[in-house]
Amino acid sequence: HYGSTSESDYILADIPVDYIKLDGSYLRDLNRNSLSTRQLESVIRP
């Protein structure tokens, strides 16, 4: 559920992770065109 709260980046900084499962809201919003591909790219780039 990465990105579901503002705490996601803090958790990521404290715990070494191998995988990140994005929050489903990103895919839902991408399908509804309320999130652009460019906006999603800015989330996953780091």
All heavy atoms as atom14 arrays in JSON, in Angstrom:
{
  "sequence": "HYGSTSESDYILADIPVDYIKLDGSYLRDLNRNSLSTRQLESVIRP",
  "atom14_mask": [
    [1, 1, 1, 1, 1, 1, 1, 1, 1, 1, 0, 0, 0, 0],
    [1, 1, 1, 1, 1, 1, 1, 1, 1, 1, 1, 1, 0, 0],
    [1, 1, 1, 1, 0, 0, 0, 0, 0, 0, 0, 0, 0, 0],
    [1, 1, 1, 1, 1, 1, 0, 0, 0, 0, 0, 0, 0, 0],
    [1, 1, 1, 1, 1, 1, 1, 0, 0, 0, 0, 0, 0, 0],
    [1, 1, 1, 1, 1, 1, 0, 0, 0, 0, 0, 0, 0, 0],
    [1, 1, 1, 1, 1, 1, 1, 1, 1, 0, 0, 0, 0, 0],
    [1, 1, 1, 1, 1, 1, 0, 0, 0, 0, 0, 0, 0, 0],
    [1, 1, 1, 1, 1, 1, 1, 1, 0, 0, 0, 0, 0, 0],
    [1, 1, 1, 1, 1, 1, 1, 1, 1, 1, 1, 1, 0, 0],
    [1, 1, 1, 1, 1, 1, 1, 1, 0, 0, 0, 0, 0, 0],
    [1, 1, 1, 1, 1, 1, 1, 1, 0, 0, 0, 0, 0, 0],
    [1, 1, 1, 1, 1, 0, 0, 0, 0, 0, 0, 0, 0, 0],
    [1, 1, 1, 1, 1, 1, 1, 1, 0, 0, 0, 0, 0, 0],
    [1, 1, 1, 1, 1, 1, 1, 1, 0, 0, 0, 0, 0, 0],
    [1, 1, 1, 1, 1, 1, 1, 0, 0, 0, 0, 0, 0, 0],
    [1, 1, 1, 1, 1, 1, 1, 0, 0, 0, 0, 0, 0, 0],
    [1, 1, 1, 1, 1, 1, 1, 1, 0, 0, 0, 0, 0, 0],
    [1, 1, 1, 1, 1, 1, 1, 1, 1, 1, 1, 1, 0, 0],
    [1, 1, 1, 1, 1, 1, 1, 1, 0, 0, 0, 0, 0, 0],
    [1, 1, 1, 1, 1, 1, 1, 1, 1, 0, 0, 0, 0, 0],
    [1, 1, 1, 1, 1, 1, 1, 1, 0, 0, 0, 0, 0, 0],
    [1, 1, 1, 1, 1, 1, 1, 1, 0, 0, 0, 0, 0, 0],
    [1, 1, 1, 1, 0, 0, 0, 0, 0, 0, 0, 0, 0, 0],
    [1, 1, 1, 1, 1, 1, 0, 0, 0, 0, 0, 0, 0, 0],
    [1, 1, 1, 1, 1, 1, 1, 1, 1, 1, 1, 1, 0, 0],
    [1, 1, 1, 1, 1, 1, 1, 1, 0, 0, 0, 0, 0, 0],
    [1, 1, 1, 1, 1, 1, 1, 1, 1, 1, 1, 0, 0, 0],
    [1, 1, 1, 1, 1, 1, 1, 1, 0, 0, 0, 0, 0, 0],
    [1, 1, 1, 1, 1, 1, 1, 1, 0, 0, 0, 0, 0, 0],
    [1, 1, 1, 1, 1, 1, 1, 1, 0, 0, 0, 0, 0, 0],
    [1, 1, 1, 1, 1, 1, 1, 1, 1, 1, 1, 0, 0, 0],
    [1, 1, 1, 1, 1, 1, 1, 1, 0, 0, 0, 0, 0, 0],
    [1, 1, 1, 1, 1, 1, 0, 0, 0, 0, 0, 0, 0, 0],
    [1, 1, 1, 1, 1, 1, 1, 1, 0, 0, 0, 0, 0, 0],
    [1, 1, 1, 1, 1, 1, 0, 0, 0, 0, 0, 0, 0, 0],
    [1, 1, 1, 1, 1, 1, 1, 0, 0, 0, 0, 0, 0, 0],
    [1, 1, 1, 1, 1, 1, 1, 1, 1, 1, 1, 0, 0, 0],
    [1, 1, 1, 1, 1, 1, 1, 1, 1, 0, 0, 0, 0, 0],
    [1, 1, 1, 1, 1, 1, 1, 1, 0, 0, 0, 0, 0, 0],
    [1, 1, 1, 1, 1, 1, 1, 1, 1, 0, 0, 0, 0, 0],
    [1, 1, 1, 1, 1, 1, 0, 0, 0, 0, 0, 0, 0, 0],
    [1, 1, 1, 1, 1, 1, 1, 0, 0, 0, 0, 0, 0, 0],
    [1, 1, 1, 1, 1, 1, 1, 1, 0, 0, 0, 0, 0, 0],
    [1, 1, 1, 1, 1, 1, 1, 1, 1, 1, 1, 0, 0, 0],
    [1, 1, 1, 1, 1, 1, 1, 0, 0, 0, 0, 0, 0, 0]
  ],
  "atom14_positions": [
    [[0.83, -1.22, 0.0], [0.0, 0.0, 0.0], [0.86, 1.26, 0.0], [0.51, 2.26, 0.62], [-0.98, 0.01, 1.17], [-1.89, -1.17, 1.2], [-2.92, -1.31, 0.3], [-1.92, -2.27, 1.98], [-3.55, -2.44, 0.54], [-2.95, -3.05, 1.54], [0.0, 0.0, 0.0], [0.0, 0.0, 0.0], [0.0, 0.0, 0.0], [0.0, 0.0, 0.0]],
    [[1.99, 1.2, -0.71], [2.88, 2.36, -0.76], [2.15, 3.55, -1.36], [1.51, 3.47, -2.4], [4.13, 2.06, -1.6], [5.06, 3.23, -1.67], [5.98, 3.46, -0.66], [4.99, 4.14, -2.72], [6.83, 4.55, -0.7], [5.83, 5.23, -2.77], [6.75, 5.43, -1.76], [7.58, 6.53, -1.8], [0.0, 0.0, 0.0], [0.0, 0.0, 0.0]],
    [[2.25, 4.67, -0.68], [1.64, 5.9, -1.16], [0.26, 6.14, -0.6], [-0.35, 7.17, -0.88], [0.0, 0.0, 0.0], [0.0, 0.0, 0.0], [0.0, 0.0, 0.0], [0.0, 0.0, 0.0], [0.0, 0.0, 0.0], [0.0, 0.0, 0.0], [0.0, 0.0, 0.0], [0.0, 0.0, 0.0], [0.0, 0.0, 0.0], [0.0, 0.0, 0.0]],
    [[-0.26, 5.22, 0.21], [-1.61, 5.41, 0.75], [-1.63, 6.44, 1.87], [-2.67, 7.01, 2.18], [-2.19, 4.09, 1.25], [-1.41, 3.56, 2.3], [0.0, 0.0, 0.0], [0.0, 0.0, 0.0], [0.0, 0.0, 0.0], [0.0, 0.0, 0.0], [0.0, 0.0, 0.0], [0.0, 0.0, 0.0], [0.0, 0.0, 0.0], [0.0, 0.0, 0.0]],
    [[-0.48, 6.68, 2.49], [-0.38, 7.71, 3.53], [0.92, 8.48, 3.36], [1.82, 8.06, 2.63], [-0.36, 7.08, 4.96], [0.88, 6.41, 5.15], [-1.52, 6.13, 5.17], [0.0, 0.0, 0.0], [0.0, 0.0, 0.0], [0.0, 0.0, 0.0], [0.0, 0.0, 0.0], [0.0, 0.0, 0.0], [0.0, 0.0, 0.0], [0.0, 0.0, 0.0]],
    [[1.03, 9.56, 4.07], [2.26, 10.35, 4.02], [3.41, 9.64, 4.75], [4.56, 10.06, 4.64], [2.02, 11.73, 4.63], [1.59, 11.59, 5.98], [0.0, 0.0, 0.0], [0.0, 0.0, 0.0], [0.0, 0.0, 0.0], [0.0, 0.0, 0.0], [0.0, 0.0, 0.0], [0.0, 0.0, 0.0], [0.0, 0.0, 0.0], [0.0, 0.0, 0.0]],
    [[3.1, 8.58, 5.48], [4.12, 7.85, 6.23], [4.93, 6.89, 5.36], [5.94, 6.35, 5.8], [3.45, 7.05, 7.36], [2.68, 7.91, 8.34], [3.58, 8.87, 9.1], [4.65, 8.43, 9.57], [3.22, 10.05, 9.2], [0.0, 0.0, 0.0], [0.0, 0.0, 0.0], [0.0, 0.0, 0.0], [0.0, 0.0, 0.0], [0.0, 0.0, 0.0]],
    [[4.5, 6.62, 4.14], [5.15, 5.64, 3.28], [6.64, 5.92, 3.11], [7.47, 5.0, 3.2], [4.47, 5.58, 1.91], [3.17, 5.09, 2.02], [0.0, 0.0, 0.0], [0.0, 0.0, 0.0], [0.0, 0.0, 0.0], [0.0, 0.0, 0.0], [0.0, 0.0, 0.0], [0.0, 0.0, 0.0], [0.0, 0.0, 0.0], [0.0, 0.0, 0.0]],
    [[7.0, 7.15, 2.86], [8.41, 7.48, 2.65], [9.22, 7.36, 3.94], [10.39, 6.99, 3.9], [8.56, 8.86, 2.05], [8.13, 8.89, 0.59], [8.37, 7.89, -0.11], [7.55, 9.91, 0.17], [0.0, 0.0, 0.0], [0.0, 0.0, 0.0], [0.0, 0.0, 0.0], [0.0, 0.0, 0.0], [0.0, 0.0, 0.0], [0.0, 0.0, 0.0]],
    [[8.6, 7.66, 5.08], [9.3, 7.51, 6.35], [9.58, 6.04, 6.65], [10.66, 5.69, 7.12], [8.48, 8.12, 7.49], [8.34, 9.62, 7.36], [7.09, 10.19, 7.17], [9.45, 10.45, 7.42], [6.95, 11.56, 7.04], [9.32, 11.82, 7.29], [8.08, 12.37, 7.11], [7.94, 13.72, 6.98], [0.0, 0.0, 0.0], [0.0, 0.0, 0.0]],
    [[8.61, 5.19, 6.38], [8.79, 3.76, 6.58], [9.89, 3.25, 5.65], [10.76, 2.49, 6.06], [7.47, 3.0, 6.36], [6.46, 3.4, 7.43], [7.7, 1.49, 6.34], [5.05, 2.92, 7.15], [0.0, 0.0, 0.0], [0.0, 0.0, 0.0], [0.0, 0.0, 0.0], [0.0, 0.0, 0.0], [0.0, 0.0, 0.0], [0.0, 0.0, 0.0]],
    [[9.85, 3.68, 4.41], [10.85, 3.27, 3.43], [12.25, 3.68, 3.86], [13.22, 2.95, 3.65], [10.51, 3.84, 2.06], [11.45, 3.48, 0.92], [11.48, 1.97, 0.7], [11.0, 4.18, -0.36], [0.0, 0.0, 0.0], [0.0, 0.0, 0.0], [0.0, 0.0, 0.0], [0.0, 0.0, 0.0], [0.0, 0.0, 0.0], [0.0, 0.0, 0.0]],
    [[12.38, 4.83, 4.48], [13.69, 5.31, 4.94], [14.23, 4.47, 6.09], [15.44, 4.33, 6.25], [13.59, 6.77, 5.35], [0.0, 0.0, 0.0], [0.0, 0.0, 0.0], [0.0, 0.0, 0.0], [0.0, 0.0, 0.0], [0.0, 0.0, 0.0], [0.0, 0.0, 0.0], [0.0, 0.0, 0.0], [0.0, 0.0, 0.0], [0.0, 0.0, 0.0]],
    [[13.34, 3.89, 6.89], [13.76, 3.14, 8.08], [13.92, 1.65, 7.86], [14.62, 0.99, 8.62], [12.74, 3.35, 9.21], [12.81, 4.74, 9.78], [13.85, 5.41, 9.63], [11.81, 5.18, 10.39], [0.0, 0.0, 0.0], [0.0, 0.0, 0.0], [0.0, 0.0, 0.0], [0.0, 0.0, 0.0], [0.0, 0.0, 0.0], [0.0, 0.0, 0.0]],
    [[13.27, 1.1, 6.84], [13.28, -0.34, 6.63], [13.81, -0.65, 5.23], [13.29, -0.14, 4.24], [11.86, -0.92, 6.78], [11.31, -0.63, 8.17], [11.85, -2.41, 6.49], [9.86, -1.0, 8.34], [0.0, 0.0, 0.0], [0.0, 0.0, 0.0], [0.0, 0.0, 0.0], [0.0, 0.0, 0.0], [0.0, 0.0, 0.0], [0.0, 0.0, 0.0]],
    [[14.83, -1.49, 5.12], [15.3, -1.89, 3.79], [14.3, -2.85, 3.16], [14.04, -3.92, 3.71], [16.64, -2.56, 4.07], [16.53, -3.05, 5.47], [15.61, -2.11, 6.19], [0.0, 0.0, 0.0], [0.0, 0.0, 0.0], [0.0, 0.0, 0.0], [0.0, 0.0, 0.0], [0.0, 0.0, 0.0], [0.0, 0.0, 0.0], [0.0, 0.0, 0.0]],
    [[13.72, -2.47, 2.05], [12.72, -3.32, 1.4], [13.23, -3.82, 0.05], [14.06, -3.17, -0.59], [11.37, -2.59, 1.22], [10.79, -2.18, 2.56], [11.49, -1.38, 0.32], [0.0, 0.0, 0.0], [0.0, 0.0, 0.0], [0.0, 0.0, 0.0], [0.0, 0.0, 0.0], [0.0, 0.0, 0.0], [0.0, 0.0, 0.0], [0.0, 0.0, 0.0]],
    [[12.72, -4.98, -0.34], [13.05, -5.55, -1.65], [11.97, -5.25, -2.67], [12.24, -5.14, -3.86], [13.2, -7.07, -1.52], [14.24, -7.45, -0.48], [15.41, -7.06, -0.67], [13.88, -8.1, 0.51], [0.0, 0.0, 0.0], [0.0, 0.0, 0.0], [0.0, 0.0, 0.0], [0.0, 0.0, 0.0], [0.0, 0.0, 0.0], [0.0, 0.0, 0.0]],
    [[10.73, -5.15, -2.18], [9.57, -4.95, -3.04], [8.7, -3.84, -2.47], [8.6, -3.68, -1.26], [8.69, -6.21, -3.11], [9.39, -7.42, -3.64], [10.07, -8.28, -2.79], [9.38, -7.71, -5.0], [10.71, -9.4, -3.27], [10.02, -8.84, -5.49], [10.69, -9.68, -4.62], [11.32, -10.78, -5.09], [0.0, 0.0, 0.0], [0.0, 0.0, 0.0]],
    [[8.09, -3.1, -3.39], [7.07, -2.14, -3.0], [5.84, -2.43, -3.84], [5.9, -2.46, -5.07], [7.53, -0.69, -3.21], [8.55, -0.32, -2.16], [6.34, 0.26, -3.17], [9.02, 1.11, -2.2], [0.0, 0.0, 0.0], [0.0, 0.0, 0.0], [0.0, 0.0, 0.0], [0.0, 0.0, 0.0], [0.0, 0.0, 0.0], [0.0, 0.0, 0.0]],
    [[4.73, -2.63, -3.14], [3.45, -2.8, -3.81], [2.71, -1.47, -3.7], [2.4, -1.01, -2.61], [2.65, -3.93, -3.15], [1.35, -4.22, -3.84], [0.7, -5.44, -3.2], [-0.62, -5.76, -3.81], [-1.21, -6.95, -3.16], [0.0, 0.0, 0.0], [0.0, 0.0, 0.0], [0.0, 0.0, 0.0], [0.0, 0.0, 0.0], [0.0, 0.0, 0.0]],
    [[2.5, -0.85, -4.84], [1.83, 0.44, -4.86], [0.41, 0.31, -4.31], [-0.21, -0.75, -4.4], [1.76, 0.98, -6.29], [3.09, 1.24, -6.97], [2.88, 1.59, -8.44], [3.87, 2.33, -6.27], [0.0, 0.0, 0.0], [0.0, 0.0, 0.0], [0.0, 0.0, 0.0], [0.0, 0.0, 0.0], [0.0, 0.0, 0.0], [0.0, 0.0, 0.0]],
    [[-0.09, 1.37, -3.76], [-1.47, 1.36, -3.31], [-2.39, 1.26, -4.52], [-2.13, 1.87, -5.56], [-1.78, 2.64, -2.51], [-3.13, 2.57, -1.85], [-3.27, 1.76, -0.92], [-4.04, 3.29, -2.29], [0.0, 0.0, 0.0], [0.0, 0.0, 0.0], [0.0, 0.0, 0.0], [0.0, 0.0, 0.0], [0.0, 0.0, 0.0], [0.0, 0.0, 0.0]],
    [[-3.45, 0.5, -4.38], [-4.39, 0.29, -5.48], [-5.05, 1.56, -5.98], [-5.54, 1.61, -7.11], [0.0, 0.0, 0.0], [0.0, 0.0, 0.0], [0.0, 0.0, 0.0], [0.0, 0.0, 0.0], [0.0, 0.0, 0.0], [0.0, 0.0, 0.0], [0.0, 0.0, 0.0], [0.0, 0.0, 0.0], [0.0, 0.0, 0.0], [0.0, 0.0, 0.0]],
    [[-5.07, 2.59, -5.17], [-5.69, 3.85, -5.59], [-4.98, 4.46, -6.8], [-5.61, 5.13, -7.62], [-5.72, 4.86, -4.44], [-4.41, 5.2, -4.04], [0.0, 0.0, 0.0], [0.0, 0.0, 0.0], [0.0, 0.0, 0.0], [0.0, 0.0, 0.0], [0.0, 0.0, 0.0], [0.0, 0.0, 0.0], [0.0, 0.0, 0.0], [0.0, 0.0, 0.0]],
    [[-3.68, 4.21, -6.93], [-2.96, 4.73, -8.1], [-3.51, 4.13, -9.39], [-3.72, 4.83, -10.37], [-1.46, 4.42, -8.02], [-0.73, 5.24, -6.99], [-0.12, 4.63, -5.9], [-0.63, 6.62, -7.1], [0.56, 5.37, -4.95], [0.04, 7.37, -6.16], [0.63, 6.74, -5.08], [1.3, 7.47, -4.15], [0.0, 0.0, 0.0], [0.0, 0.0, 0.0]],
    [[-3.77, 2.82, -9.39], [-4.3, 2.17, -10.59], [-5.73, 2.59, -10.85], [-6.12, 2.81, -12.0], [-4.2, 0.64, -10.45], [-2.82, 0.06, -10.73], [-2.46, 0.16, -12.18], [-1.74, 0.51, -9.85], [0.0, 0.0, 0.0], [0.0, 0.0, 0.0], [0.0, 0.0, 0.0], [0.0, 0.0, 0.0], [0.0, 0.0, 0.0], [0.0, 0.0, 0.0]],
    [[-6.51, 2.7, -9.79], [-7.9, 3.14, -9.94], [-7.94, 4.55, -10.53], [-8.68, 4.82, -11.49], [-8.61, 3.1, -8.58], [-10.08, 3.46, -8.66], [-10.73, 3.61, -7.3], [-10.1, 4.71, -6.57], [-9.5, 4.58, -5.4], [-9.42, 3.43, -4.8], [-8.96, 5.63, -4.81], [0.0, 0.0, 0.0], [0.0, 0.0, 0.0], [0.0, 0.0, 0.0]],
    [[-7.13, 5.45, -9.99], [-7.12, 6.83, -10.48], [-6.55, 6.93, -11.9], [-7.01, 7.76, -12.69], [-6.32, 7.72, -9.53], [-7.01, 7.9, -8.18], [-8.2, 7.54, -8.05], [-6.34, 8.39, -7.26], [0.0, 0.0, 0.0], [0.0, 0.0, 0.0], [0.0, 0.0, 0.0], [0.0, 0.0, 0.0], [0.0, 0.0, 0.0], [0.0, 0.0, 0.0]],
    [[-5.59, 6.09, -12.22], [-5.04, 6.06, -13.57], [-6.13, 5.64, -14.56], [-6.26, 6.24, -15.63], [-3.85, 5.11, -13.62], [-2.94, 5.17, -14.84], [-2.29, 6.54, -14.96], [-1.88, 4.09, -14.73], [0.0, 0.0, 0.0], [0.0, 0.0, 0.0], [0.0, 0.0, 0.0], [0.0, 0.0, 0.0], [0.0, 0.0, 0.0], [0.0, 0.0, 0.0]],
    [[-6.93, 4.67, -14.2], [-8.03, 4.21, -15.05], [-9.11, 5.27, -15.22], [-9.74, 5.36, -16.26], [-8.67, 2.94, -14.5], [-7.81, 1.74, -14.76], [-7.0, 1.73, -15.68], [-7.99, 0.71, -13.95], [0.0, 0.0, 0.0], [0.0, 0.0, 0.0], [0.0, 0.0, 0.0], [0.0, 0.0, 0.0], [0.0, 0.0, 0.0], [0.0, 0.0, 0.0]],
    [[-9.34, 6.05, -14.19], [-10.37, 7.09, -14.23], [-9.86, 8.4, -14.82], [-10.59, 9.39, -14.87], [-10.89, 7.36, -12.82], [-11.63, 6.2, -12.22], [-12.09, 6.54, -10.84], [-12.8, 5.43, -10.23], [-13.12, 5.35, -8.97], [-12.79, 6.34, -8.14], [-13.74, 4.3, -8.49], [0.0, 0.0, 0.0], [0.0, 0.0, 0.0], [0.0, 0.0, 0.0]],
    [[-8.6, 8.41, -15.21], [-7.94, 9.61, -15.75], [-7.87, 10.75, -14.74], [-7.75, 11.9, -15.13], [-8.62, 10.07, -17.04], [-8.44, 9.07, -18.15], [-7.37, 8.48, -18.29], [-9.48, 8.85, -18.93], [0.0, 0.0, 0.0], [0.0, 0.0, 0.0], [0.0, 0.0, 0.0], [0.0, 0.0, 0.0], [0.0, 0.0, 0.0], [0.0, 0.0, 0.0]],
    [[-7.97, 10.44, -13.45], [-7.77, 11.48, -12.44], [-6.31, 11.51, -11.97], [-5.94, 12.35, -11.17], [-8.72, 11.28, -11.26], [-8.54, 10.02, -10.67], [0.0, 0.0, 0.0], [0.0, 0.0, 0.0], [0.0, 0.0, 0.0], [0.0, 0.0, 0.0], [0.0, 0.0, 0.0], [0.0, 0.0, 0.0], [0.0, 0.0, 0.0], [0.0, 0.0, 0.0]],
    [[-5.5, 10.58, -12.5], [-4.06, 10.56, -12.28], [-3.42, 10.35, -13.64], [-3.79, 9.43, -14.37], [-3.67, 9.42, -11.33], [-2.19, 9.23, -11.06], [-1.67, 10.34, -10.14], [-1.92, 7.88, -10.43], [0.0, 0.0, 0.0], [0.0, 0.0, 0.0], [0.0, 0.0, 0.0], [0.0, 0.0, 0.0], [0.0, 0.0, 0.0], [0.0, 0.0, 0.0]],
    [[-2.48, 11.2, -13.98], [-1.82, 11.06, -15.28], [-0.64, 10.1, -15.17], [-0.11, 9.85, -14.08], [-1.33, 12.42, -15.78], [-0.23, 12.86, -15.02], [0.0, 0.0, 0.0], [0.0, 0.0, 0.0], [0.0, 0.0, 0.0], [0.0, 0.0, 0.0], [0.0, 0.0, 0.0], [0.0, 0.0, 0.0], [0.0, 0.0, 0.0], [0.0, 0.0, 0.0]],
    [[-0.23, 9.59, -16.3], [0.94, 8.73, -16.35], [2.16, 9.49, -15.83], [2.99, 8.93, -15.1], [1.2, 8.26, -17.79], [0.03, 7.61, -18.26], [2.37, 7.31, -17.87], [0.0, 0.0, 0.0], [0.0, 0.0, 0.0], [0.0, 0.0, 0.0], [0.0, 0.0, 0.0], [0.0, 0.0, 0.0], [0.0, 0.0, 0.0], [0.0, 0.0, 0.0]],
    [[2.25, 10.75, -16.14], [3.37, 11.58, -15.68], [3.38, 11.72, -14.15], [4.43, 11.68, -13.52], [3.29, 12.97, -16.32], [4.52, 13.8, -16.09], [4.45, 15.05, -16.87], [4.54, 14.67, -18.29], [4.95, 15.45, -19.26], [5.28, 16.68, -18.99], [5.0, 15.03, -20.49], [0.0, 0.0, 0.0], [0.0, 0.0, 0.0], [0.0, 0.0, 0.0]],
    [[2.19, 11.85, -13.55], [2.11, 11.95, -12.1], [2.54, 10.63, -11.45], [3.27, 10.64, -10.45], [0.69, 12.3, -11.66], [0.3, 13.73, -11.99], [-1.18, 13.96, -11.78], [-2.02, 13.18, -12.23], [-1.51, 15.05, -11.08], [0.0, 0.0, 0.0], [0.0, 0.0, 0.0], [0.0, 0.0, 0.0], [0.0, 0.0, 0.0], [0.0, 0.0, 0.0]],
    [[2.09, 9.5, -12.0], [2.5, 8.21, -11.46], [4.0, 8.01, -11.63], [4.67, 7.51, -10.73], [1.72, 7.08, -12.13], [2.04, 5.67, -11.63], [1.83, 5.56, -10.13], [1.19, 4.65, -12.38], [0.0, 0.0, 0.0], [0.0, 0.0, 0.0], [0.0, 0.0, 0.0], [0.0, 0.0, 0.0], [0.0, 0.0, 0.0], [0.0, 0.0, 0.0]],
    [[4.53, 8.44, -12.75], [5.97, 8.33, -12.98], [6.75, 9.11, -11.93], [7.79, 8.65, -11.45], [6.31, 8.83, -14.38], [7.76, 8.68, -14.74], [8.05, 9.14, -16.16], [7.33, 10.0, -16.68], [9.02, 8.62, -16.73], [0.0, 0.0, 0.0], [0.0, 0.0, 0.0], [0.0, 0.0, 0.0], [0.0, 0.0, 0.0], [0.0, 0.0, 0.0]],
    [[6.25, 10.27, -11.52], [6.96, 11.06, -10.5], [6.93, 10.36, -9.14], [7.84, 10.55, -8.34], [6.37, 12.47, -10.4], [5.09, 12.44, -9.84], [0.0, 0.0, 0.0], [0.0, 0.0, 0.0], [0.0, 0.0, 0.0], [0.0, 0.0, 0.0], [0.0, 0.0, 0.0], [0.0, 0.0, 0.0], [0.0, 0.0, 0.0], [0.0, 0.0, 0.0]],
    [[5.92, 9.55, -8.89], [5.85, 8.79, -7.64], [6.87, 7.65, -7.65], [7.55, 7.4, -6.65], [4.43, 8.23, -7.42], [4.39, 7.24, -6.26], [3.43, 9.35, -7.19], [0.0, 0.0, 0.0], [0.0, 0.0, 0.0], [0.0, 0.0, 0.0], [0.0, 0.0, 0.0], [0.0, 0.0, 0.0], [0.0, 0.0, 0.0], [0.0, 0.0, 0.0]],
    [[6.97, 6.95, -8.78], [7.82, 5.75, -8.8], [9.28, 6.03, -9.18], [10.13, 5.19, -8.93], [7.23, 4.67, -9.73], [7.2, 5.12, -11.17], [5.87, 4.24, -9.24], [6.8, 4.04, -12.14], [0.0, 0.0, 0.0], [0.0, 0.0, 0.0], [0.0, 0.0, 0.0], [0.0, 0.0, 0.0], [0.0, 0.0, 0.0], [0.0, 0.0, 0.0]],
    [[9.57, 7.18, -9.73], [10.95, 7.49, -10.14], [11.96, 7.31, -9.0], [12.97, 6.64, -9.17], [11.04, 8.89, -10.73], [12.4, 9.22, -11.32], [12.47, 10.61, -11.93], [11.42, 10.82, -12.9], [10.48, 11.76, -12.8], [10.47, 12.6, -11.78], [9.54, 11.88, -13.72], [0.0, 0.0, 0.0], [0.0, 0.0, 0.0], [0.0, 0.0, 0.0]],
    [[11.7, 7.88, -7.8], [12.67, 7.7, -6.72], [12.81, 6.24, -6.29], [13.89, 5.81, -5.87], [12.12, 8.54, -5.57], [11.05, 9.38, -6.14], [10.62, 8.77, -7.43], [0.0, 0.0, 0.0], [0.0, 0.0, 0.0], [0.0, 0.0, 0.0], [0.0, 0.0, 0.0], [0.0, 0.0, 0.0], [0.0, 0.0, 0.0], [0.0, 0.0, 0.0]]
  ]
}
